[in-house]
Amino acid sequence: MAWIKPFTWIKLLVFALSLIPAGRLVVGLFTGGLGANPVEFITHTTGTFALVFLMITLAVTPLRRLTGYGSLIRLRRMLGLFAFFYTVLHLSTFVVLDHFFDPAAILQDVFKRPYITAGSVGFLLMVPLAATSTAGMIRRLGGRRWQQLHRLVYFSAIAGVVHFLWLVKADLREPLIFAGVLAVLLSYRIAVWRNAPWAKKRAGRT
């Protein structure tokens, strides 16, 4: 196995670690380890890790720039797909275990409950990102258009955090932590955007 490149081992390790939350759910399902309310436990776990992977994905570029470790960017696609994976599991719990594939009940909840509306928006924004995550799609769209499309990830993250904030009625600490992390990441992005040469030129014309 010595022929495998060193960074490949890192990717394999990150991949394995990213599967642990899903693996624990599978084990808990067969061992009775999901608590008194398994559906609520699965919903909370998958939703939390969807947000965790979204935040980690958004943090890759700032960490790459701050540390100078350029290879980090090679993890971003995989981490983004894991964010989508846990989002799909979260949505599937809602569709299958909460509503038993009842489209009328699902649509009623989507339009009646604001936190479900926000979560649905976040998921829909992630779909084109996952669909265009391959190298082939990057070539077809072109680097510039692909980057513009993938800025939707910030809006998806905002919708996800809003979904969590509106869902929780009592203890807001956990969703507020996600909100704080997202605020820092967005602030960094805005600072980079404002300091970009093309942005300074545009500001000089106004």
C-alpha atoms as a PDB file:
ATOM      1  CA  MET A   1       0.000   0.000   0.000  1.00  0.00           C
ATOM      2  CA  ALA A   2       3.062   2.252  -0.029  1.00  0.00           C
ATOM      3  CA  TRP A   3       2.163   3.424  -3.548  1.00  0.00           C
ATOM      4  CA  ILE A   4      -0.845   5.364  -2.223  1.00  0.00           C
ATOM      5  CA  LYS A   5      -0.032   9.063  -2.001  1.00  0.00           C
ATOM      6  CA  PRO A   6       0.178  10.530   1.541  1.00  0.00           C
ATOM      7  CA  PHE A   7      -2.761  12.914   1.060  1.00  0.00           C
ATOM      8  CA  THR A   8      -4.917  10.004  -0.101  1.00  0.00           C
ATOM      9  CA  TRP A   9      -4.589   8.556   3.386  1.00  0.00           C
ATOM     10  CA  ILE A  10      -5.873  11.835   4.800  1.00  0.00           C
ATOM     11  CA  LYS A  11      -8.881  11.730   2.460  1.00  0.00           C
ATOM     12  CA  LEU A  12      -9.603   8.133   3.431  1.00  0.00           C
ATOM     13  CA  LEU A  13      -9.383   9.045   7.116  1.00  0.00           C
ATOM     14  CA  VAL A  14     -11.706  12.036   6.695  1.00  0.00           C
ATOM     15  CA  PHE A  15     -14.118   9.854   4.707  1.00  0.00           C
ATOM     16  CA  ALA A  16     -14.161   7.200   7.434  1.00  0.00           C
ATOM     17  CA  LEU A  17     -14.621   9.771  10.211  1.00  0.00           C
ATOM     18  CA  SER A  18     -17.459  11.409   8.268  1.00  0.00           C
ATOM     19  CA  LEU A  19     -19.355   8.108   8.205  1.00  0.00           C
ATOM     20  CA  ILE A  20     -19.204   7.634  11.989  1.00  0.00           C
ATOM     21  CA  PRO A  21     -22.454   9.550  12.786  1.00  0.00           C
ATOM     22  CA  ALA A  22     -24.391   7.510  10.216  1.00  0.00           C
ATOM     23  CA  GLY A  23     -22.770   4.314  11.450  1.00  0.00           C
ATOM     24  CA  ARG A  24     -23.752   5.057  15.032  1.00  0.00           C
ATOM     25  CA  LEU A  25     -27.363   5.550  13.924  1.00  0.00           C
ATOM     26  CA  VAL A  26     -27.358   2.193  12.149  1.00  0.00           C
ATOM     27  CA  VAL A  27     -25.878   0.438  15.197  1.00  0.00           C
ATOM     28  CA  GLY A  28     -28.325   2.226  17.499  1.00  0.00           C
ATOM     29  CA  LEU A  29     -31.224   1.171  15.299  1.00  0.00           C
ATOM     30  CA  PHE A  30     -30.387  -2.511  15.803  1.00  0.00           C
ATOM     31  CA  THR A  31     -29.319  -2.286  19.444  1.00  0.00           C
ATOM     32  CA  GLY A  32     -32.027  -0.008  20.815  1.00  0.00           C
ATOM     33  CA  GLY A  33     -29.576   2.799  21.388  1.00  0.00           C
ATOM     34  CA  LEU A  34     -31.653   5.619  19.898  1.00  0.00           C
ATOM     35  CA  GLY A  35     -33.404   6.587  23.119  1.00  0.00           C
ATOM     36  CA  ALA A  36     -37.069   6.760  24.033  1.00  0.00           C
ATOM     37  CA  ASN A  37     -37.955   8.664  20.848  1.00  0.00           C
ATOM     38  CA  PRO A  38     -35.881   7.190  17.993  1.00  0.00           C
ATOM     39  CA  VAL A  39     -37.420   9.391  15.283  1.00  0.00           C
ATOM     40  CA  GLU A  40     -36.576  12.556  17.197  1.00  0.00           C
ATOM     41  CA  PHE A  41     -33.064  11.270  17.883  1.00  0.00           C
ATOM     42  CA  ILE A  42     -32.434  10.478  14.207  1.00  0.00           C
ATOM     43  CA  THR A  43     -33.917  13.810  13.122  1.00  0.00           C
ATOM     44  CA  HIS A  44     -31.755  15.797  15.526  1.00  0.00           C
ATOM     45  CA  THR A  45     -28.572  13.837  14.781  1.00  0.00           C
ATOM     46  CA  THR A  46     -28.838  14.022  10.994  1.00  0.00           C
ATOM     47  CA  GLY A  47     -29.828  17.703  11.064  1.00  0.00           C
ATOM     48  CA  THR A  48     -26.981  18.600  13.395  1.00  0.00           C
ATOM     49  CA  PHE A  49     -24.366  16.828  11.304  1.00  0.00           C
ATOM     50  CA  ALA A  50     -25.751  18.325   8.098  1.00  0.00           C
ATOM     51  CA  LEU A  51     -24.999  21.743   9.604  1.00  0.00           C
ATOM     52  CA  VAL A  52     -21.656  20.602  11.001  1.00  0.00           C
ATOM     53  CA  PHE A  53     -20.474  19.474   7.573  1.00  0.00           C
ATOM     54  CA  LEU A  54     -21.826  22.636   5.955  1.00  0.00           C
ATOM     55  CA  MET A  55     -19.786  24.758   8.372  1.00  0.00           C
ATOM     56  CA  ILE A  56     -16.683  22.632   7.875  1.00  0.00           C
ATOM     57  CA  THR A  57     -17.086  22.909   4.094  1.00  0.00           C
ATOM     58  CA  LEU A  58     -17.351  26.692   4.320  1.00  0.00           C
ATOM     59  CA  ALA A  59     -14.308  26.780   6.613  1.00  0.00           C
ATOM     60  CA  VAL A  60     -12.025  24.951   4.173  1.00  0.00           C
ATOM     61  CA  THR A  61     -11.136  27.985   2.054  1.00  0.00           C
ATOM     62  CA  PRO A  62     -10.421  30.331   5.011  1.00  0.00           C
ATOM     63  CA  LEU A  63      -8.292  27.621   6.674  1.00  0.00           C
ATOM     64  CA  ARG A  64      -6.414  27.043   3.415  1.00  0.00           C
ATOM     65  CA  ARG A  65      -5.636  30.740   3.101  1.00  0.00           C
ATOM     66  CA  LEU A  66      -4.725  31.207   6.753  1.00  0.00           C
ATOM     67  CA  THR A  67      -2.528  28.114   7.012  1.00  0.00           C
ATOM     68  CA  GLY A  68      -1.106  28.123   3.501  1.00  0.00           C
ATOM     69  CA  TYR A  69      -1.908  24.403   3.216  1.00  0.00           C
ATOM     70  CA  GLY A  70      -3.312  24.359  -0.300  1.00  0.00           C
ATOM     71  CA  SER A  71      -4.182  20.656  -0.313  1.00  0.00           C
ATOM     72  CA  LEU A  72      -7.088  21.332   2.061  1.00  0.00           C
ATOM     73  CA  ILE A  73      -9.119  22.459  -0.940  1.00  0.00           C
ATOM     74  CA  ARG A  74      -9.111  18.849  -2.148  1.00  0.00           C
ATOM     75  CA  LEU A  75     -11.283  17.904   0.828  1.00  0.00           C
ATOM     76  CA  ARG A  76     -13.971  20.506   0.180  1.00  0.00           C
ATOM     77  CA  ARG A  77     -15.969  18.587  -2.422  1.00  0.00           C
ATOM     78  CA  MET A  78     -16.125  15.450  -0.281  1.00  0.00           C
ATOM     79  CA  LEU A  79     -17.118  17.406   2.832  1.00  0.00           C
ATOM     80  CA  GLY A  80     -19.808  19.248   0.871  1.00  0.00           C
ATOM     81  CA  LEU A  81     -21.217  15.943  -0.370  1.00  0.00           C
ATOM     82  CA  PHE A  82     -21.321  14.648   3.202  1.00  0.00           C
ATOM     83  CA  ALA A  83     -23.286  17.775   4.158  1.00  0.00           C
ATOM     84  CA  PHE A  84     -25.744  16.889   1.403  1.00  0.00           C
ATOM     85  CA  PHE A  85     -25.767  13.228   2.488  1.00  0.00           C
ATOM     86  CA  TYR A  86     -26.778  14.083   6.055  1.00  0.00           C
ATOM     87  CA  THR A  87     -29.299  16.609   4.776  1.00  0.00           C
ATOM     88  CA  VAL A  88     -30.900  13.883   2.640  1.00  0.00           C
ATOM     89  CA  LEU A  89     -31.024  11.591   5.687  1.00  0.00           C
ATOM     90  CA  HIS A  90     -32.599  14.420   7.690  1.00  0.00           C
ATOM     91  CA  LEU A  91     -35.211  15.046   5.012  1.00  0.00           C
ATOM     92  CA  SER A  92     -35.848  11.313   4.595  1.00  0.00           C
ATOM     93  CA  THR A  93     -36.607  11.033   8.305  1.00  0.00           C
ATOM     94  CA  PHE A  94     -39.205  13.781   7.910  1.00  0.00           C
ATOM     95  CA  VAL A  95     -40.738  12.236   4.779  1.00  0.00           C
ATOM     96  CA  VAL A  96     -40.623   8.550   5.739  1.00  0.00           C
ATOM     97  CA  LEU A  97     -40.743   8.299   9.536  1.00  0.00           C
ATOM     98  CA  ASP A  98     -42.731  11.437  10.351  1.00  0.00           C
ATOM     99  CA  HIS A  99     -45.235  11.434   7.462  1.00  0.00           C
ATOM    100  CA  PHE A 100     -45.020   7.934   5.935  1.00  0.00           C
ATOM    101  CA  PHE A 101     -44.767   9.296   2.359  1.00  0.00           C
ATOM    102  CA  ASP A 102     -48.014  11.288   2.705  1.00  0.00           C
ATOM    103  CA  PRO A 103     -47.535  14.148   0.163  1.00  0.00           C
ATOM    104  CA  ALA A 104     -50.535  16.128   1.422  1.00  0.00           C
ATOM    105  CA  ALA A 105     -49.272  16.108   5.006  1.00  0.00           C
ATOM    106  CA  ILE A 106     -45.724  16.918   3.880  1.00  0.00           C
ATOM    107  CA  LEU A 107     -46.800  19.925   1.789  1.00  0.00           C
ATOM    108  CA  GLN A 108     -49.077  21.143   4.563  1.00  0.00           C
ATOM    109  CA  ASP A 109     -46.163  21.130   7.012  1.00  0.00           C
ATOM    110  CA  VAL A 110     -43.826  22.806   4.504  1.00  0.00           C
ATOM    111  CA  PHE A 111     -46.197  25.757   4.010  1.00  0.00           C
ATOM    112  CA  LYS A 112     -47.623  25.877   7.537  1.00  0.00           C
ATOM    113  CA  ARG A 113     -44.465  25.639   9.645  1.00  0.00           C
ATOM    114  CA  PRO A 114     -41.846  28.335   8.925  1.00  0.00           C
ATOM    115  CA  TYR A 115     -38.934  26.266  10.230  1.00  0.00           C
ATOM    116  CA  ILE A 116     -39.793  23.462   7.773  1.00  0.00           C
ATOM    117  CA  THR A 117     -40.110  26.031   4.975  1.00  0.00           C
ATOM    118  CA  ALA A 118     -36.615  27.332   5.778  1.00  0.00           C
ATOM    119  CA  GLY A 119     -35.215  23.799   5.910  1.00  0.00           C
ATOM    120  CA  SER A 120     -36.821  22.945   2.576  1.00  0.00           C
ATOM    121  CA  VAL A 121     -35.276  26.028   0.976  1.00  0.00           C
ATOM    122  CA  GLY A 122     -31.869  25.047   2.341  1.00  0.00           C
ATOM    123  CA  PHE A 123     -32.207  21.553   0.882  1.00  0.00           C
ATOM    124  CA  LEU A 124     -33.377  22.773  -2.537  1.00  0.00           C
ATOM    125  CA  LEU A 125     -30.383  25.112  -2.733  1.00  0.00           C
ATOM    126  CA  MET A 126     -28.058  22.202  -2.055  1.00  0.00           C
ATOM    127  CA  VAL A 127     -29.438  20.026  -4.859  1.00  0.00           C
ATOM    128  CA  PRO A 128     -27.754  21.886  -7.781  1.00  0.00           C
ATOM    129  CA  LEU A 129     -24.524  22.056  -5.768  1.00  0.00           C
ATOM    130  CA  ALA A 130     -24.443  18.286  -5.303  1.00  0.00           C
ATOM    131  CA  ALA A 131     -25.465  17.722  -8.931  1.00  0.00           C
ATOM    132  CA  THR A 132     -22.582  19.865 -10.226  1.00  0.00           C
ATOM    133  CA  SER A 133     -19.907  18.631  -7.833  1.00  0.00           C
ATOM    134  CA  THR A 134     -18.106  16.450 -10.377  1.00  0.00           C
ATOM    135  CA  ALA A 135     -15.042  17.471 -12.365  1.00  0.00           C
ATOM    136  CA  GLY A 136     -17.038  16.939 -15.564  1.00  0.00           C
ATOM    137  CA  MET A 137     -19.675  19.471 -14.518  1.00  0.00           C
ATOM    138  CA  ILE A 138     -16.991  21.994 -13.611  1.00  0.00           C
ATOM    139  CA  ARG A 139     -15.616  21.694 -17.147  1.00  0.00           C
ATOM    140  CA  ARG A 140     -19.074  21.995 -18.701  1.00  0.00           C
ATOM    141  CA  LEU A 141     -20.081  25.049 -16.690  1.00  0.00           C
ATOM    142  CA  GLY A 142     -16.678  26.699 -16.750  1.00  0.00           C
ATOM    143  CA  GLY A 143     -14.815  27.677 -13.615  1.00  0.00           C
ATOM    144  CA  ARG A 144     -16.355  31.130 -13.270  1.00  0.00           C
ATOM    145  CA  ARG A 145     -19.994  30.030 -13.658  1.00  0.00           C
ATOM    146  CA  TRP A 146     -19.377  27.026 -11.407  1.00  0.00           C
ATOM    147  CA  GLN A 147     -18.007  29.266  -8.663  1.00  0.00           C
ATOM    148  CA  GLN A 148     -20.945  31.647  -8.990  1.00  0.00           C
ATOM    149  CA  LEU A 149     -23.411  28.771  -8.713  1.00  0.00           C
ATOM    150  CA  HIS A 150     -21.663  27.310  -5.684  1.00  0.00           C
ATOM    151  CA  ARG A 151     -22.000  30.550  -3.766  1.00  0.00           C
ATOM    152  CA  LEU A 152     -25.510  29.234  -3.108  1.00  0.00           C
ATOM    153  CA  VAL A 153     -23.900  27.212  -0.325  1.00  0.00           C
ATOM    154  CA  TYR A 154     -23.867  30.346   1.846  1.00  0.00           C
ATOM    155  CA  PHE A 155     -27.603  30.856   1.377  1.00  0.00           C
ATOM    156  CA  SER A 156     -28.206  27.176   2.061  1.00  0.00           C
ATOM    157  CA  ALA A 157     -26.239  27.459   5.298  1.00  0.00           C
ATOM    158  CA  ILE A 158     -28.217  30.549   6.315  1.00  0.00           C
ATOM    159  CA  ALA A 159     -31.487  28.707   5.635  1.00  0.00           C
ATOM    160  CA  GLY A 160     -30.235  25.729   7.648  1.00  0.00           C
ATOM    161  CA  VAL A 161     -29.330  27.865  10.654  1.00  0.00           C
ATOM    162  CA  VAL A 162     -32.654  29.715  10.473  1.00  0.00           C
ATOM    163  CA  HIS A 163     -34.408  26.328  10.293  1.00  0.00           C
ATOM    164  CA  PHE A 164     -32.650  25.262  13.512  1.00  0.00           C
ATOM    165  CA  LEU A 165     -33.298  28.575  15.289  1.00  0.00           C
ATOM    166  CA  TRP A 166     -37.014  28.521  14.465  1.00  0.00           C
ATOM    167  CA  LEU A 167     -37.291  24.848  15.394  1.00  0.00           C
ATOM    168  CA  VAL A 168     -35.884  25.219  18.904  1.00  0.00           C
ATOM    169  CA  LYS A 169     -38.266  26.830  21.359  1.00  0.00           C
ATOM    170  CA  ALA A 170     -36.378  26.712  24.661  1.00  0.00           C
ATOM    171  CA  ASP A 171     -32.618  26.103  24.715  1.00  0.00           C
ATOM    172  CA  LEU A 172     -31.151  28.151  21.881  1.00  0.00           C
ATOM    173  CA  ARG A 173     -27.504  27.522  22.718  1.00  0.00           C
ATOM    174  CA  GLU A 174     -26.836  24.928  20.025  1.00  0.00           C
ATOM    175  CA  PRO A 175     -28.425  26.820  17.098  1.00  0.00           C
ATOM    176  CA  LEU A 176     -26.784  30.038  18.297  1.00  0.00           C
ATOM    177  CA  ILE A 177     -23.375  28.346  18.153  1.00  0.00           C
ATOM    178  CA  PHE A 178     -24.015  27.481  14.509  1.00  0.00           C
ATOM    179  CA  ALA A 179     -25.239  31.040  13.899  1.00  0.00           C
ATOM    180  CA  GLY A 180     -22.046  32.436  15.436  1.00  0.00           C
ATOM    181  CA  VAL A 181     -19.790  30.176  13.373  1.00  0.00           C
ATOM    182  CA  LEU A 182     -21.667  31.083  10.194  1.00  0.00           C
ATOM    183  CA  ALA A 183     -21.452  34.789  11.037  1.00  0.00           C
ATOM    184  CA  VAL A 184     -17.660  34.511  11.366  1.00  0.00           C
ATOM    185  CA  LEU A 185     -17.347  32.606   8.076  1.00  0.00           C
ATOM    186  CA  LEU A 186     -19.587  35.082   6.241  1.00  0.00           C
ATOM    187  CA  SER A 187     -17.681  38.027   7.719  1.00  0.00           C
ATOM    188  CA  TYR A 188     -14.429  36.531   6.482  1.00  0.00           C
ATOM    189  CA  ARG A 189     -15.899  35.994   3.030  1.00  0.00           C
ATOM    190  CA  ILE A 190     -17.182  39.575   2.861  1.00  0.00           C
ATOM    191  CA  ALA A 191     -13.791  40.920   3.991  1.00  0.00           C
ATOM    192  CA  VAL A 192     -12.015  38.933   1.265  1.00  0.00           C
ATOM    193  CA  TRP A 193     -14.541  40.108  -1.318  1.00  0.00           C
ATOM    194  CA  ARG A 194     -14.135  43.763  -0.324  1.00  0.00           C
ATOM    195  CA  ASN A 195     -10.336  43.538  -0.442  1.00  0.00           C
ATOM    196  CA  ALA A 196     -10.227  41.806  -3.821  1.00  0.00           C
ATOM    197  CA  PRO A 197      -8.530  43.933  -6.520  1.00  0.00           C
ATOM    198  CA  TRP A 198     -11.597  43.959  -8.784  1.00  0.00           C
ATOM    199  CA  ALA A 199     -13.798  45.081  -5.864  1.00  0.00           C
ATOM    200  CA  LYS A 200     -11.419  47.949  -5.055  1.00  0.00           C
ATOM    201  CA  LYS A 201     -11.457  49.064  -8.686  1.00  0.00           C
ATOM    202  CA  ARG A 202     -15.258  49.014  -8.716  1.00  0.00           C
ATOM    203  CA  ALA A 203     -15.380  51.017  -5.458  1.00  0.00           C
ATOM    204  CA  GLY A 204     -12.988  53.562  -6.952  1.00  0.00           C
ATOM    205  CA  ARG A 205     -15.375  54.219  -9.837  1.00  0.00           C
ATOM    206  CA  THR A 206     -18.349  54.944  -7.564  1.00  0.00           C
END
